[in-house]
Amino acid sequence: MEQQSQQTLTNLVYDIYEDPALIEEHQVLIKSLLSDLVATAPAGFEGMATMINIHISNGFKFRNPKIQKFELESGLLKLKTYFQKINL
């Protein structure tokens, strides 16, 4: 995944974390970027990319704002760590 796409994904997920009303607006693009994230995961990082995808996708599934926030925050934390590790 290119660094520009990494930054876009991080920013979009952070946006919906801050304002869950944006989920509908950003969901299609985020899902596309998450698919790219999983498809381009380097060897040894496939599980982490899949876990990030699951957390962020769960943020879309649940309607309870507390659960959404939890899932998105979990995904964001893992996403930042993931990008730090693969971009060394």
N, C-alpha and C. Protein backbone atom coordinates (compact mmCIF):
# COMPACT_ATOMS: atom_id res chain seq x y z
N MET A 1 0.86 -1.17 0.00
CA MET A 1 0.00 0.00 0.00
C MET A 1 0.91 1.23 0.00
N GLU A 2 0.63 2.14 -0.91
CA GLU A 2 1.43 3.36 -1.01
C GLU A 2 1.24 4.24 0.23
N GLN A 3 2.25 5.06 0.51
CA GLN A 3 2.16 5.91 1.69
C GLN A 3 1.03 6.91 1.60
N GLN A 4 0.72 7.38 0.39
CA GLN A 4 -0.41 8.31 0.23
C GLN A 4 -1.73 7.62 0.63
N SER A 5 -1.89 6.38 0.22
CA SER A 5 -3.09 5.61 0.59
C SER A 5 -3.11 5.32 2.08
N GLN A 6 -1.94 5.07 2.66
CA GLN A 6 -1.85 4.85 4.10
C GLN A 6 -2.34 6.07 4.86
N GLN A 7 -1.89 7.24 4.42
CA GLN A 7 -2.28 8.49 5.08
C GLN A 7 -3.77 8.75 4.90
N THR A 8 -4.28 8.48 3.70
CA THR A 8 -5.70 8.68 3.42
C THR A 8 -6.55 7.79 4.32
N LEU A 9 -6.18 6.51 4.41
CA LEU A 9 -6.92 5.56 5.25
C LEU A 9 -6.89 6.01 6.71
N THR A 10 -5.72 6.37 7.21
CA THR A 10 -5.60 6.81 8.60
C THR A 10 -6.47 8.04 8.85
N ASN A 11 -6.42 9.00 7.96
CA ASN A 11 -7.20 10.23 8.13
C ASN A 11 -8.70 9.96 8.09
N LEU A 12 -9.15 9.12 7.17
CA LEU A 12 -10.58 8.82 7.06
C LEU A 12 -11.09 8.09 8.31
N VAL A 13 -10.32 7.13 8.79
CA VAL A 13 -10.74 6.40 9.99
C VAL A 13 -10.76 7.34 11.19
N TYR A 14 -9.76 8.21 11.27
CA TYR A 14 -9.75 9.18 12.37
C TYR A 14 -10.96 10.12 12.27
N ASP A 15 -11.30 10.54 11.06
CA ASP A 15 -12.47 11.41 10.85
C ASP A 15 -13.74 10.77 11.37
N ILE A 16 -13.95 9.49 11.03
CA ILE A 16 -15.19 8.85 11.49
C ILE A 16 -15.13 8.51 12.98
N TYR A 17 -13.91 8.34 13.50
CA TYR A 17 -13.77 8.15 14.95
C TYR A 17 -14.22 9.42 15.66
N GLU A 18 -13.82 10.56 15.15
CA GLU A 18 -14.18 11.85 15.75
C GLU A 18 -15.65 12.20 15.52
N ASP A 19 -16.18 11.83 14.35
CA ASP A 19 -17.56 12.17 14.00
C ASP A 19 -18.22 10.96 13.32
N PRO A 20 -18.82 10.06 14.10
CA PRO A 20 -19.43 8.86 13.53
C PRO A 20 -20.49 9.12 12.47
N ALA A 21 -21.02 10.32 12.40
CA ALA A 21 -22.00 10.65 11.36
C ALA A 21 -21.38 10.56 9.97
N LEU A 22 -20.06 10.58 9.88
CA LEU A 22 -19.37 10.50 8.58
C LEU A 22 -19.20 9.08 8.08
N ILE A 23 -19.63 8.10 8.87
CA ILE A 23 -19.43 6.69 8.47
C ILE A 23 -20.02 6.42 7.10
N GLU A 24 -21.26 6.81 6.89
CA GLU A 24 -21.91 6.53 5.61
C GLU A 24 -21.15 7.16 4.45
N GLU A 25 -20.67 8.37 4.67
CA GLU A 25 -19.97 9.12 3.63
C GLU A 25 -18.63 8.47 3.25
N HIS A 26 -17.90 7.96 4.23
CA HIS A 26 -16.55 7.44 3.99
C HIS A 26 -16.46 5.92 3.87
N GLN A 27 -17.53 5.23 4.14
CA GLN A 27 -17.49 3.77 4.24
C GLN A 27 -16.98 3.09 2.97
N VAL A 28 -17.46 3.49 1.80
CA VAL A 28 -17.07 2.82 0.56
C VAL A 28 -15.56 2.97 0.31
N LEU A 29 -15.06 4.17 0.46
CA LEU A 29 -13.63 4.42 0.24
C LEU A 29 -12.78 3.68 1.27
N ILE A 30 -13.20 3.70 2.52
CA ILE A 30 -12.44 3.02 3.56
C ILE A 30 -12.42 1.51 3.30
N LYS A 31 -13.55 0.95 2.92
CA LYS A 31 -13.58 -0.50 2.63
C LYS A 31 -12.63 -0.85 1.50
N SER A 32 -12.56 0.01 0.49
CA SER A 32 -11.65 -0.22 -0.64
C SER A 32 -10.20 -0.16 -0.16
N LEU A 33 -9.89 0.83 0.65
CA LEU A 33 -8.52 0.97 1.18
C LEU A 33 -8.17 -0.19 2.11
N LEU A 34 -9.14 -0.67 2.88
CA LEU A 34 -8.88 -1.82 3.76
C LEU A 34 -8.61 -3.08 2.94
N SER A 35 -9.34 -3.26 1.85
CA SER A 35 -9.09 -4.40 0.97
C SER A 35 -7.67 -4.34 0.41
N ASP A 36 -7.25 -3.14 0.02
CA ASP A 36 -5.89 -2.94 -0.48
C ASP A 36 -4.87 -3.22 0.62
N LEU A 37 -5.17 -2.78 1.83
CA LEU A 37 -4.28 -3.01 2.98
C LEU A 37 -4.04 -4.51 3.16
N VAL A 38 -5.11 -5.29 3.16
CA VAL A 38 -5.00 -6.74 3.37
C VAL A 38 -4.30 -7.40 2.18
N ALA A 39 -4.63 -6.97 0.97
CA ALA A 39 -4.07 -7.58 -0.24
C ALA A 39 -2.57 -7.32 -0.39
N THR A 40 -2.10 -6.19 0.12
CA THR A 40 -0.69 -5.82 -0.06
C THR A 40 0.14 -5.99 1.20
N ALA A 41 -0.40 -6.66 2.21
CA ALA A 41 0.34 -6.85 3.47
C ALA A 41 1.60 -7.66 3.20
N PRO A 42 2.74 -7.17 3.71
CA PRO A 42 3.99 -7.92 3.54
C PRO A 42 3.93 -9.26 4.29
N ALA A 43 4.77 -10.17 3.88
CA ALA A 43 4.84 -11.47 4.53
C ALA A 43 5.08 -11.28 6.02
N GLY A 44 4.31 -11.98 6.82
CA GLY A 44 4.42 -11.89 8.26
C GLY A 44 3.48 -10.86 8.88
N PHE A 45 2.89 -10.01 8.07
CA PHE A 45 1.99 -8.97 8.56
C PHE A 45 0.53 -9.18 8.13
N GLU A 46 0.26 -10.31 7.49
CA GLU A 46 -1.08 -10.58 7.00
C GLU A 46 -2.11 -10.62 8.12
N GLY A 47 -1.74 -11.24 9.24
CA GLY A 47 -2.66 -11.34 10.38
C GLY A 47 -2.98 -9.98 10.98
N MET A 48 -1.98 -9.13 11.08
CA MET A 48 -2.20 -7.80 11.63
C MET A 48 -3.09 -6.98 10.70
N ALA A 49 -2.86 -7.07 9.39
CA ALA A 49 -3.69 -6.34 8.42
C ALA A 49 -5.14 -6.83 8.49
N THR A 50 -5.31 -8.13 8.64
CA THR A 50 -6.66 -8.69 8.75
C THR A 50 -7.34 -8.23 10.03
N MET A 51 -6.59 -8.18 11.13
CA MET A 51 -7.15 -7.73 12.40
C MET A 51 -7.59 -6.25 12.31
N ILE A 52 -6.79 -5.43 11.66
CA ILE A 52 -7.14 -4.02 11.47
C ILE A 52 -8.43 -3.92 10.67
N ASN A 53 -8.51 -4.70 9.60
CA ASN A 53 -9.71 -4.72 8.76
C ASN A 53 -10.93 -5.10 9.58
N ILE A 54 -10.81 -6.10 10.42
CA ILE A 54 -11.94 -6.57 11.23
C ILE A 54 -12.40 -5.48 12.20
N HIS A 55 -11.45 -4.86 12.91
CA HIS A 55 -11.83 -3.83 13.88
C HIS A 55 -12.54 -2.66 13.20
N ILE A 56 -11.96 -2.16 12.13
CA ILE A 56 -12.56 -1.00 11.47
C ILE A 56 -13.90 -1.38 10.83
N SER A 57 -13.98 -2.54 10.23
CA SER A 57 -15.25 -3.00 9.65
C SER A 57 -16.32 -3.18 10.72
N ASN A 58 -15.92 -3.63 11.91
CA ASN A 58 -16.87 -3.74 13.02
C ASN A 58 -17.41 -2.37 13.41
N GLY A 59 -16.61 -1.35 13.26
CA GLY A 59 -17.07 0.01 13.52
C GLY A 59 -18.23 0.40 12.63
N PHE A 60 -18.28 -0.18 11.44
CA PHE A 60 -19.39 0.08 10.52
C PHE A 60 -20.63 -0.72 10.88
N LYS A 61 -20.42 -1.92 11.42
CA LYS A 61 -21.53 -2.84 11.69
C LYS A 61 -22.40 -2.40 12.87
N PHE A 62 -21.74 -1.96 13.93
CA PHE A 62 -22.47 -1.65 15.15
C PHE A 62 -23.04 -0.24 15.12
N ARG A 63 -24.21 -0.07 15.70
CA ARG A 63 -24.85 1.25 15.75
C ARG A 63 -24.69 1.92 17.10
N ASN A 64 -24.26 1.17 18.10
CA ASN A 64 -24.00 1.73 19.41
C ASN A 64 -22.74 2.59 19.33
N PRO A 65 -22.84 3.89 19.59
CA PRO A 65 -21.68 4.78 19.45
C PRO A 65 -20.48 4.38 20.30
N LYS A 66 -20.72 3.80 21.47
CA LYS A 66 -19.60 3.38 22.32
C LYS A 66 -18.84 2.22 21.69
N ILE A 67 -19.56 1.28 21.12
CA ILE A 67 -18.92 0.14 20.46
C ILE A 67 -18.20 0.61 19.20
N GLN A 68 -18.84 1.50 18.43
CA GLN A 68 -18.20 2.05 17.23
C GLN A 68 -16.87 2.71 17.61
N LYS A 69 -16.90 3.55 18.61
CA LYS A 69 -15.69 4.26 19.05
C LYS A 69 -14.60 3.27 19.46
N PHE A 70 -15.00 2.25 20.23
CA PHE A 70 -14.04 1.25 20.68
C PHE A 70 -13.39 0.54 19.49
N GLU A 71 -14.20 0.07 18.56
CA GLU A 71 -13.68 -0.66 17.40
C GLU A 71 -12.80 0.24 16.53
N LEU A 72 -13.24 1.46 16.30
CA LEU A 72 -12.45 2.38 15.47
C LEU A 72 -11.14 2.76 16.16
N GLU A 73 -11.20 2.98 17.47
CA GLU A 73 -9.98 3.32 18.20
C GLU A 73 -9.00 2.14 18.17
N SER A 74 -9.50 0.94 18.37
CA SER A 74 -8.66 -0.25 18.30
C SER A 74 -8.01 -0.37 16.92
N GLY A 75 -8.82 -0.16 15.89
CA GLY A 75 -8.30 -0.22 14.52
C GLY A 75 -7.26 0.85 14.26
N LEU A 76 -7.52 2.06 14.73
CA LEU A 76 -6.57 3.17 14.53
C LEU A 76 -5.23 2.90 15.21
N LEU A 77 -5.27 2.43 16.44
CA LEU A 77 -4.03 2.15 17.16
C LEU A 77 -3.22 1.08 16.45
N LYS A 78 -3.88 0.04 16.00
CA LYS A 78 -3.19 -1.04 15.30
C LYS A 78 -2.69 -0.56 13.93
N LEU A 79 -3.50 0.28 13.29
CA LEU A 79 -3.14 0.80 11.97
C LEU A 79 -1.87 1.63 12.04
N LYS A 80 -1.79 2.51 13.01
CA LYS A 80 -0.59 3.35 13.17
C LYS A 80 0.64 2.49 13.45
N THR A 81 0.49 1.51 14.32
CA THR A 81 1.62 0.61 14.63
C THR A 81 2.03 -0.17 13.40
N TYR A 82 1.05 -0.67 12.67
CA TYR A 82 1.29 -1.45 11.45
C TYR A 82 2.10 -0.62 10.44
N PHE A 83 1.67 0.61 10.19
CA PHE A 83 2.36 1.44 9.21
C PHE A 83 3.76 1.80 9.69
N GLN A 84 3.94 1.99 10.97
CA GLN A 84 5.29 2.27 11.49
C GLN A 84 6.22 1.08 11.24
N LYS A 85 5.70 -0.12 11.44
CA LYS A 85 6.53 -1.32 11.27
C LYS A 85 6.85 -1.61 9.82
N ILE A 86 5.88 -1.44 8.92
CA ILE A 86 6.14 -1.79 7.52
C ILE A 86 6.89 -0.70 6.77
N ASN A 87 6.92 0.51 7.32
CA ASN A 87 7.60 1.61 6.64
C ASN A 87 9.01 1.86 7.15
N LEU A 88 9.57 0.95 7.90
CA LEU A 88 10.93 1.12 8.43
C LEU A 88 11.95 1.10 7.31
